Each structure stands twice: as structure tokens, then as C-alpha cells.
């Protein structure tokens, strides 16, 4: 039986490789930044277009110093979960700071936003309740919803008529929770939060937003999608990460109504049964929030770089998903074409990553790039020039670039 499993897994992996769907990890031998070194590429300078390093804080010296000082003061790790002997003053300070920044009542820390989403639904909802989820929500939301016994409804991405239909169908449930990403990670488009909140209010539902790709990036002081629309008081639950714009390390959170946060401390399993974040990470995250809150200049620079990349690629005839977010997906449709373009760009010392099924729908393959405020004008022009060259390198790709691409449903 053991040998049978080994053979099956090898066969399945070989099939992925033959379909060009095998995920290959690029080993970085330098600090995370807009320019990195890859182990496989020797010491060559590689332009990095695929990190979530939106504000360029991943190797910011203020954060490095804060983490170092935190290590000196607090030691390395807590060797405990929070409710035994793993709650440090640095945890409480970060939870209070996130609540202040996001303008919520309370916050609870998790090891990651995946853990936050995995622990949320099971703790709050049971068979008497309902959850209504956008079809393009992150995998952590999908998995979290599967863990709870609530009735499940799903609406096509940003289709407000389908959302309203689900709200009508679930009106008899005790608690109804509408859940959406603030920014959808594979498409770079934002949720229609004003209409979502209006519909939820009309039908007496709660609203949850996973704002992982928005906090630090959009809205006043980078406070995210609810702040962009002045809807902080209408969003009941916010989840997010410290692993993207806010320093890029690790850690996640749930922020929102105080009663919800208090109950998660009692029942959220990833919180109860996972080690606490290292205090030094909390110290660096506190510094990252301070920087992000006052980074309007970085956000303006990020917006300018994003606009130029999107316009340059569109002018070349590529189909670019989303609108103004620094997630810039170039839709190829064909997975093999996405791989060819990514390989060609790497030969020019530019790192991008192709995505295909099952990460996105069949026939919706793409190259997802992410712009950082630390990218220079020259960096962006170099990427545009590389895509121009790719048009002649990739045989037969051009017809797919303007095709209608299906969404995940």
C-alpha cells in the first residue's frame, strides 16, 4: 500500500508536469525586494514583479531595526498558545494598534490570514445560520466556510442581483453573513462594497471583508476598502494579513465588533491551538503600521507606476484584468502561453509567475504581476519592453490575448 501511494503521487506529479501545471519554487538568496537574486540564476540581478510588497517595506530598515530590538527585549518565541502562557504585551499592543488603524472595536491575532479565515466561520455560525460568499473569494474563505455547518450560498463575482437573490433565500436563517474579498487576488478588481453593504443592511445581514490586498494600499491612510467608501461602521468583520503591504512577514488578524472578537478568543481553533506570533514580529508590525499610515507619497508613487504598467500593456494589445489596483493580471487564456511568456521574461532577468487551473478557471490562465512603490520608472518601462518582445517570441499567443476569458463559477 505504501508503494502504491508513492507511485500514484509520482504519476500525478508527472501529469502536472506534462500539462505545464507543476508549480516550481524559485529559491531567493537575497532579501525580498524589487530586485533580488535567485539561487538558480547565480548572482544576476532579477527584477521581481510578483511579490505582495506593495509599499516596499519587506526589507525596510525601520522594520529590520524594530524586529532586532524586539528580539533583544523579548527573546525569540513564546513556546505556547495564547490562552496558556503565550500572550505577550507586544501582542496586546499590536491588537490595539490594528483596531485604532482600522477604526474597529477590537482585534485578535492569528498565525496567518488563512488561519483567521479558517477559524472564523466555524466559531460563529452553525446550522441555523447562512453564509453568502463571492465566487472569487480566497481559498482560505472557501475552506473556512466548509468547516462550518451553516447553509451556503454563492454569487458570481460582484453580481449584486445574485447576491440579493441569496439574501432573499436565506432570510429565514438566524444569522446571515455576506463575505467578500476587498480586492480579488487573481483579478485585481475590488468588491462592490457600497452595494453589498446597502443590500446587507436592507436584509438584516452582517458583512465580512477579507482586506488582505487592500490594507496599506487603498483608502485614506491605506485603511482599505471600507475606508475608501467611508463604510467602516457597516462592515462587521475585517480579516487581513501582516504578510503583504504591512511588512511582508507573517501573521493575520480578525478585526471588528468586540463581541465577535471576544468569542473568537474562546472558540477559534487555529487561535486556541497554534503557537503565538513571535513578539519581535509584532514589534516590526507596529512599525510597519506607523509607516503605512503616513505613506501617502508611497501610495501616490504606487498608483503612478501601476497606471503606467497597465496602460503600456493595454497599448500593446494585452488583456489586463482589474482597474487601478497594483495587482496586474495579463490574461492569456492558454496555460502554455502563460508559461512561455514567463520563461521568456525570466531569460531577460524579469521574474513573473504564470497561473492556471485549478488556481483560476480552465481557459483563464494568466500572468499576475504586482507593482511595488519601490519599483522605478525604468523598472516598469523594462517590463513593458519585455512584453513587447514576447509578442514575437510566443508563437500563436496573440489571438488569445483579446479573447473572452471565463471566470471561476
Protein backbone atom coordinates (compact mmCIF):
# COMPACT_ATOMS: atom_id res chain seq x y z
CA UNK A 1 0.00 0.00 0.00
CA UNK A 2 2.85 2.38 0.82
CA UNK A 3 4.48 1.77 -2.57
CA UNK A 4 1.13 2.18 -4.30
CA UNK A 5 0.70 5.64 -2.80
CA UNK A 6 4.23 6.66 -3.78
CA UNK A 7 3.66 5.53 -7.37
CA UNK A 8 0.31 7.28 -7.59
CA UNK A 9 1.76 10.55 -6.35
CA UNK A 10 4.68 10.30 -8.79
CA UNK A 11 2.25 9.64 -11.66
CA UNK A 12 0.05 12.57 -10.66
CA UNK A 13 3.07 14.86 -10.44
CA UNK A 14 4.28 13.71 -13.86
CA UNK A 15 0.85 14.52 -15.31
CA UNK A 16 1.05 18.03 -13.88
CA UNK A 17 4.49 18.44 -15.40
CA UNK A 18 3.32 17.23 -18.82
CA UNK A 19 0.49 19.78 -18.75
CA UNK A 20 2.89 22.54 -17.65
CA UNK A 21 0.91 22.93 -14.41
CA UNK A 22 3.67 21.94 -11.99
CA UNK A 23 4.47 24.69 -9.50
CA UNK A 24 8.20 25.35 -9.28
CA UNK A 25 9.54 27.23 -6.28
CA UNK A 26 12.13 29.89 -7.03
CA UNK A 27 14.77 29.99 -4.28
CA UNK A 28 15.71 33.57 -3.38
CA UNK A 29 19.19 34.14 -1.97
CA UNK A 30 18.79 37.84 -1.11
CA UNK A 31 16.38 39.95 0.94
CA UNK A 32 12.92 40.35 -0.58
CA UNK A 33 12.83 43.48 -2.74
CA UNK A 34 12.09 44.76 -6.23
CA UNK A 35 15.49 43.42 -7.27
CA UNK A 36 16.51 40.01 -5.97
CA UNK A 37 18.91 37.14 -6.59
CA UNK A 38 17.63 33.68 -7.45
CA UNK A 39 19.75 30.69 -6.48
CA UNK A 40 19.20 29.07 -9.88
CA UNK A 41 20.31 32.26 -11.66
CA UNK A 42 23.53 32.79 -9.76
CA UNK A 43 24.22 36.33 -8.66
CA UNK A 44 22.35 38.03 -11.50
CA UNK A 45 20.10 40.93 -10.60
CA UNK A 46 16.47 39.86 -11.20
CA UNK A 47 13.62 42.34 -11.46
CA UNK A 48 10.88 41.00 -9.20
CA UNK A 49 7.32 41.61 -10.42
CA UNK A 50 5.42 39.11 -8.30
CA UNK A 51 5.77 39.98 -4.59
CA UNK A 52 2.97 41.35 -2.38
CA UNK A 53 5.46 44.03 -1.32
CA UNK A 54 3.15 46.88 -2.29
CA UNK A 55 4.77 49.65 -0.23
CA UNK A 56 8.30 48.26 -0.49
CA UNK A 57 8.53 47.63 3.28
CA UNK A 58 9.65 43.99 3.23
CA UNK A 59 13.30 44.93 3.83
CA UNK A 60 12.77 48.45 5.18
CA UNK A 61 15.46 49.27 7.72
CA UNK A 62 12.97 50.73 10.20
CA UNK A 63 11.24 47.34 10.34
CA UNK A 64 14.53 45.44 10.49
CA UNK A 65 15.65 47.55 13.45
CA UNK A 66 12.31 47.16 15.22
CA UNK A 67 12.46 43.38 14.82
CA UNK A 68 16.07 43.27 16.02
CA UNK A 69 15.26 45.38 19.09
CA UNK A 70 12.23 43.19 19.73
CA UNK A 71 14.43 40.10 19.71
CA UNK A 72 16.80 41.71 22.19
CA UNK A 73 13.98 42.74 24.54
CA UNK A 74 11.53 39.85 24.23
CA UNK A 75 13.53 36.84 23.07
CA UNK A 76 12.73 34.57 20.14
CA UNK A 77 9.43 32.76 20.73
CA UNK A 78 6.68 32.19 23.29
CA UNK A 79 6.59 28.36 23.24
CA UNK A 80 2.89 28.47 23.98
CA UNK A 81 -0.55 29.21 22.63
CA UNK A 82 -2.16 32.46 23.68
CA UNK A 83 -4.51 31.20 26.41
CA UNK A 84 -1.87 29.23 28.34
CA UNK A 85 1.21 31.44 28.69
CA UNK A 86 1.67 32.82 25.18
CA UNK A 87 0.10 36.28 25.41
CA UNK A 88 2.80 38.95 25.46
CA UNK A 89 2.39 42.69 25.90
CA UNK A 90 3.58 43.03 22.27
CA UNK A 91 0.53 41.01 21.11
CA UNK A 92 -1.85 43.26 23.00
CA UNK A 93 -0.10 46.38 21.70
CA UNK A 94 -0.40 45.20 18.09
CA UNK A 95 -4.06 44.24 18.52
CA UNK A 96 -4.85 47.69 19.94
CA UNK A 97 -2.86 49.40 17.17
CA UNK A 98 -4.66 47.47 14.42
CA UNK A 99 -8.03 48.38 15.95
CA UNK A 100 -7.03 52.03 16.08
CA UNK A 101 -5.72 51.98 12.49
CA UNK A 102 -8.72 50.15 11.04
CA UNK A 103 -11.19 52.01 13.30
CA UNK A 104 -12.74 48.87 14.72
CA UNK A 105 -13.68 47.90 18.27
CA UNK A 106 -11.22 45.06 18.80
CA UNK A 107 -8.73 42.76 17.04
CA UNK A 108 -7.42 39.23 17.51
CA UNK A 109 -4.13 37.98 16.03
CA UNK A 110 -3.64 34.69 14.18
CA UNK A 111 -0.61 32.96 12.67
CA UNK A 112 -1.82 33.96 9.19
CA UNK A 113 -4.91 35.33 7.48
CA UNK A 114 -5.51 31.78 6.24
CA UNK A 115 -5.79 30.72 9.89
CA UNK A 116 -8.02 33.71 10.64
CA UNK A 117 -10.45 32.78 7.86
CA UNK A 118 -10.23 29.08 8.70
CA UNK A 119 -11.19 29.70 12.31
CA UNK A 120 -13.85 32.36 11.90
CA UNK A 121 -16.89 30.68 10.38
CA UNK A 122 -16.92 27.51 12.48
CA UNK A 123 -16.75 29.59 15.66
CA UNK A 124 -19.58 31.98 14.72
CA UNK A 125 -22.05 30.02 12.60
CA UNK A 126 -23.97 26.74 12.82
CA UNK A 127 -26.85 25.00 11.04
CA UNK A 128 -29.28 27.80 11.97
CA UNK A 129 -27.20 30.35 10.06
CA UNK A 130 -26.20 31.13 6.47
CA UNK A 131 -23.08 32.40 4.73
CA UNK A 132 -23.17 34.04 1.30
CA UNK A 133 -19.81 34.11 -0.48
CA UNK A 134 -18.46 35.73 -3.66
CA UNK A 135 -17.37 33.11 -6.22
CA UNK A 136 -13.84 34.57 -6.44
CA UNK A 137 -13.16 34.67 -2.71
CA UNK A 138 -9.78 33.45 -1.49
CA UNK A 139 -9.18 29.74 -0.86
CA UNK A 140 -8.94 30.38 2.89
CA UNK A 141 -12.52 31.68 2.91
CA UNK A 142 -13.70 28.71 0.87
CA UNK A 143 -12.00 26.28 3.27
CA UNK A 144 -13.24 28.17 6.32
CA UNK A 145 -16.84 28.07 5.10
CA UNK A 146 -16.55 24.32 4.50
CA UNK A 147 -15.67 23.83 8.16
CA UNK A 148 -18.91 25.32 9.45
CA UNK A 149 -22.42 23.84 9.29
CA UNK A 150 -24.15 26.99 8.05
CA UNK A 151 -26.22 26.95 4.87
CA UNK A 152 -24.05 28.03 1.95
CA UNK A 153 -24.88 30.39 -0.88
CA UNK A 154 -22.56 31.68 -3.58
CA UNK A 155 -22.95 34.52 -6.05
CA UNK A 156 -20.99 35.19 -9.24
CA UNK A 157 -18.20 37.70 -8.72
CA UNK A 158 -19.68 41.13 -7.95
CA UNK A 159 -23.11 40.11 -9.29
CA UNK A 160 -25.35 42.10 -6.98
CA UNK A 161 -28.59 40.67 -8.36
CA UNK A 162 -27.39 37.17 -7.45
CA UNK A 163 -26.35 38.40 -4.01
CA UNK A 164 -29.80 39.86 -3.43
CA UNK A 165 -31.41 36.61 -4.53
CA UNK A 166 -29.28 34.72 -2.00
CA UNK A 167 -30.23 37.22 0.71
CA UNK A 168 -33.91 36.66 -0.03
CA UNK A 169 -33.49 32.88 0.03
CA UNK A 170 -31.67 32.96 3.36
CA UNK A 171 -33.94 35.45 5.13
CA UNK A 172 -35.31 32.76 7.49
CA UNK A 173 -31.86 31.98 8.92
CA UNK A 174 -30.84 33.22 12.36
CA UNK A 175 -27.66 34.99 11.25
CA UNK A 176 -26.71 35.71 7.63
CA UNK A 177 -23.12 36.65 6.84
CA UNK A 178 -22.11 38.10 3.47
CA UNK A 179 -18.39 37.54 2.88
CA UNK A 180 -16.20 39.03 0.17
CA UNK A 181 -12.59 39.81 -0.59
CA UNK A 182 -11.97 43.53 -0.60
CA UNK A 183 -9.70 43.07 -3.63
CA UNK A 184 -9.80 39.78 -5.54
CA UNK A 185 -6.26 38.48 -5.68
CA UNK A 186 -6.29 36.83 -9.11
CA UNK A 187 -8.12 39.61 -10.95
CA UNK A 188 -7.08 42.86 -9.28
CA UNK A 189 -10.66 44.12 -9.10
CA UNK A 190 -12.42 45.38 -5.97
CA UNK A 191 -15.68 44.27 -4.38
CA UNK A 192 -18.72 46.48 -4.91
CA UNK A 193 -18.77 47.24 -1.23
CA UNK A 194 -21.29 50.12 -1.24
CA UNK A 195 -24.00 47.95 -2.82
CA UNK A 196 -23.05 44.93 -0.70
CA UNK A 197 -23.45 46.98 2.47
CA UNK A 198 -26.74 48.51 1.29
CA UNK A 199 -28.20 45.09 0.49
CA UNK A 200 -26.95 43.60 3.74
CA UNK A 201 -28.49 46.42 5.73
CA UNK A 202 -31.80 46.06 3.90
CA UNK A 203 -31.98 42.31 4.60
CA UNK A 204 -30.51 42.45 8.12
CA UNK A 205 -27.30 40.57 7.22
CA UNK A 206 -23.76 41.04 8.52
CA UNK A 207 -20.80 41.89 6.27
CA UNK A 208 -17.29 40.42 6.39
CA UNK A 209 -14.41 41.65 4.21
CA UNK A 210 -11.02 39.98 3.73
CA UNK A 211 -8.94 43.08 3.01
CA UNK A 212 -5.54 41.41 2.70
CA UNK A 213 -4.68 43.00 -0.66
CA UNK A 214 -6.09 46.42 0.26
CA UNK A 215 -4.83 47.42 3.70
CA UNK A 216 -1.84 49.73 3.32
CA UNK A 217 -2.63 50.18 -0.37
CA UNK A 218 -6.01 51.86 -0.85
CA UNK A 219 -8.28 54.19 1.07
CA UNK A 220 -7.41 57.12 3.37
CA UNK A 221 -4.11 56.35 5.14
CA UNK A 222 -4.21 52.95 3.46
CA UNK A 223 -7.01 51.71 5.73
CA UNK A 224 -8.55 49.57 2.98
CA UNK A 225 -11.78 49.13 1.07
CA UNK A 226 -14.26 50.05 3.84
CA UNK A 227 -12.36 53.30 4.44
CA UNK A 228 -12.25 54.06 0.70
CA UNK A 229 -16.06 54.15 0.73
CA UNK A 230 -16.48 55.50 4.29
CA UNK A 231 -18.18 52.24 5.28
CA UNK A 232 -16.17 51.29 8.37
CA UNK A 233 -19.30 51.33 10.54
CA UNK A 234 -21.18 48.99 8.16
CA UNK A 235 -18.55 46.24 7.96
CA UNK A 236 -18.87 43.92 10.94
CA UNK A 237 -15.76 41.78 10.41
CA UNK A 238 -12.43 42.56 8.75
CA UNK A 239 -9.77 39.94 8.20
CA UNK A 240 -6.33 40.70 6.89
CA UNK A 241 -2.64 39.91 6.87
CA UNK A 242 0.65 41.33 8.04
CA UNK A 243 2.32 39.46 5.18
CA UNK A 244 1.68 41.84 2.29
CA UNK A 245 1.80 45.65 2.41
CA UNK A 246 2.38 45.71 6.19
CA UNK A 247 5.94 44.43 6.09
CA UNK A 248 5.51 41.13 4.29
CA UNK A 249 6.44 38.80 7.16
CA UNK A 250 3.65 36.66 8.61
CA UNK A 251 0.62 36.91 10.84
CA UNK A 252 -3.05 37.64 10.29
CA UNK A 253 -5.95 39.12 12.19
CA UNK A 254 -9.69 39.42 12.61
CA UNK A 255 -10.87 42.91 13.50
CA UNK A 256 -14.41 44.09 14.16
CA UNK A 257 -17.22 44.07 16.69
CA UNK A 258 -15.98 43.46 20.23
CA UNK A 259 -18.45 40.64 20.94
CA UNK A 260 -17.27 38.76 17.84
CA UNK A 261 -13.60 39.13 18.75
CA UNK A 262 -14.23 38.06 22.36
CA UNK A 263 -16.00 34.90 21.19
CA UNK A 264 -13.22 34.04 18.73
CA UNK A 265 -10.79 34.04 21.67
CA UNK A 266 -12.93 31.28 23.17
CA UNK A 267 -13.71 29.17 20.12
CA UNK A 268 -11.50 29.85 17.08
CA UNK A 269 -9.48 26.66 16.80
CA UNK A 270 -6.43 28.00 14.90
CA UNK A 271 -6.12 30.65 17.63
CA UNK A 272 -6.56 28.22 20.50
CA UNK A 273 -4.24 25.52 19.18
CA UNK A 274 -1.46 27.42 17.36
CA UNK A 275 1.66 28.99 18.82
CA UNK A 276 1.63 32.73 19.38
CA UNK A 277 3.35 35.07 16.98
CA UNK A 278 6.91 35.88 17.99
CA UNK A 279 6.91 39.22 19.85
CA UNK A 280 9.65 40.64 17.61
CA UNK A 281 7.34 40.21 14.61
CA UNK A 282 4.71 42.22 16.49
CA UNK A 283 7.21 45.00 17.14
CA UNK A 284 8.11 45.17 13.45
CA UNK A 285 4.43 45.14 12.51
CA UNK A 286 3.77 48.07 14.81
CA UNK A 287 6.49 49.98 12.97
CA UNK A 288 5.02 48.90 9.62
CA UNK A 289 1.58 50.27 10.51
CA UNK A 290 3.14 53.59 11.51
CA UNK A 291 4.91 53.77 8.15
CA UNK A 292 1.85 52.67 6.15
CA UNK A 293 -0.48 55.12 7.87
CA UNK A 294 1.73 58.02 6.80
CA UNK A 295 2.73 56.72 3.37
CA UNK A 296 0.56 58.82 1.07
CA UNK A 297 3.65 59.61 -1.01
CA UNK A 298 4.34 55.89 -1.49
CA UNK A 299 0.71 55.22 -2.41
CA UNK A 300 0.82 58.03 -4.99
CA UNK A 301 4.00 56.60 -6.45
CA UNK A 302 2.48 53.12 -6.45
CA UNK A 303 -0.60 54.41 -8.28
CA UNK A 304 1.54 56.13 -10.93
CA UNK A 305 3.66 53.03 -11.56
CA UNK A 306 0.55 50.84 -11.71
CA UNK A 307 -1.20 53.16 -14.16
CA UNK A 308 1.81 53.20 -16.47
CA UNK A 309 2.20 49.41 -16.49
CA UNK A 310 -1.49 48.84 -17.13
CA UNK A 311 -1.60 51.41 -19.93
CA UNK A 312 1.61 50.18 -21.54
CA UNK A 313 0.44 46.56 -21.64
CA UNK A 314 -3.02 47.54 -22.90
CA UNK A 315 -1.46 49.62 -25.68
CA UNK A 316 0.42 46.51 -26.80
CA UNK A 317 -2.87 44.62 -27.13
CA UNK A 318 -2.69 42.52 -23.98
CA UNK A 319 -5.83 41.96 -21.97
CA UNK A 320 -5.20 43.34 -18.48
CA UNK A 321 -7.69 42.48 -15.74
CA UNK A 322 -8.76 44.83 -12.96
CA UNK A 323 -8.61 48.60 -12.93
CA UNK A 324 -6.38 50.64 -10.60
CA UNK A 325 -5.02 48.08 -8.14
CA UNK A 326 -1.29 47.14 -8.27
CA UNK A 327 -2.29 43.54 -8.95
CA UNK A 328 -1.86 43.49 -12.75
CA UNK A 329 -3.01 40.21 -14.34
CA UNK A 330 -2.23 39.70 -18.02
CA UNK A 331 -4.81 37.23 -19.32
CA UNK A 332 -3.50 34.71 -21.87
CA UNK A 333 -6.24 32.08 -21.65
CA UNK A 334 -3.84 29.32 -22.65
CA UNK A 335 -1.71 27.94 -19.79
CA UNK A 336 1.14 27.02 -22.13
CA UNK A 337 1.28 30.59 -23.43
CA UNK A 338 1.46 31.96 -19.91
CA UNK A 339 4.36 29.62 -19.15
CA UNK A 340 6.15 30.58 -22.39
CA UNK A 341 5.88 34.29 -21.61
CA UNK A 342 7.07 33.78 -18.04
CA UNK A 343 10.05 31.73 -19.24
CA UNK A 344 10.90 34.36 -21.84
CA UNK A 345 10.77 37.17 -19.30
CA UNK A 346 12.99 35.21 -16.91
CA UNK A 347 15.55 34.90 -19.72
CA UNK A 348 15.53 38.72 -19.63
CA UNK A 349 16.01 38.64 -15.84
CA UNK A 350 12.41 39.55 -15.02
CA UNK A 351 10.51 37.30 -12.60
CA UNK A 352 6.78 36.81 -13.20
CA UNK A 353 4.60 33.81 -12.35
CA UNK A 354 2.01 32.11 -14.58
CA UNK A 355 -1.25 30.96 -13.02
CA UNK A 356 -3.57 28.36 -14.48
CA UNK A 357 -6.17 25.78 -13.44
CA UNK A 358 -7.01 24.97 -10.65
CA UNK A 359 -5.86 28.35 -9.24
CA UNK A 360 -8.01 30.03 -11.90
CA UNK A 361 -10.71 28.61 -14.17
CA UNK A 362 -9.87 26.41 -17.15
CA UNK A 363 -9.10 28.67 -20.09
CA UNK A 364 -8.39 31.66 -17.84
CA UNK A 365 -4.61 31.31 -17.47
CA UNK A 366 -2.70 34.48 -16.76
CA UNK A 367 0.50 36.08 -15.62
CA UNK A 368 -0.15 38.01 -12.43
CA UNK A 369 2.23 40.85 -11.70
CA UNK A 370 2.27 43.05 -8.63
CA UNK A 371 3.65 46.56 -8.62
CA UNK A 372 5.56 47.99 -5.67
CA UNK A 373 6.06 51.61 -4.72
CA UNK A 374 9.75 50.72 -4.77
CA UNK A 375 9.69 49.95 -8.50
CA UNK A 376 11.34 52.69 -10.53
CA UNK A 377 10.08 54.22 -13.76
CA UNK A 378 12.86 52.32 -15.52
CA UNK A 379 11.68 49.03 -13.98
CA UNK A 380 8.19 49.50 -15.38
CA UNK A 381 9.41 50.51 -18.84
CA UNK A 382 11.66 47.47 -18.87
CA UNK A 383 8.69 45.18 -18.20
CA UNK A 384 6.62 46.80 -20.95
CA UNK A 385 9.51 46.41 -23.40
CA UNK A 386 9.87 42.74 -22.43
CA UNK A 387 6.19 42.08 -23.14
CA UNK A 388 6.58 43.82 -26.49
CA UNK A 389 9.39 41.40 -27.32
CA UNK A 390 7.31 38.49 -26.06
CA UNK A 391 4.74 39.15 -28.77
CA UNK A 392 7.16 37.91 -31.40
CA UNK A 393 8.67 35.21 -29.21
CA UNK A 394 5.46 33.40 -28.27
CA UNK A 395 4.11 31.76 -31.40
CA UNK A 396 0.35 31.96 -31.78
CA UNK A 397 -0.25 33.75 -28.48
CA UNK A 398 -1.74 36.97 -29.74
CA UNK A 399 -5.22 35.65 -30.64
CA UNK A 400 -5.74 34.55 -27.02
CA UNK A 401 -4.91 37.94 -25.57
CA UNK A 402 -8.11 39.55 -26.71
CA UNK A 403 -10.37 36.55 -26.22
CA UNK A 404 -13.24 36.34 -23.77
CA UNK A 405 -11.88 34.51 -20.73
CA UNK A 406 -14.22 32.58 -18.40
CA UNK A 407 -14.39 33.28 -14.69
CA UNK A 408 -14.41 30.70 -11.94
CA UNK A 409 -18.02 29.79 -11.15
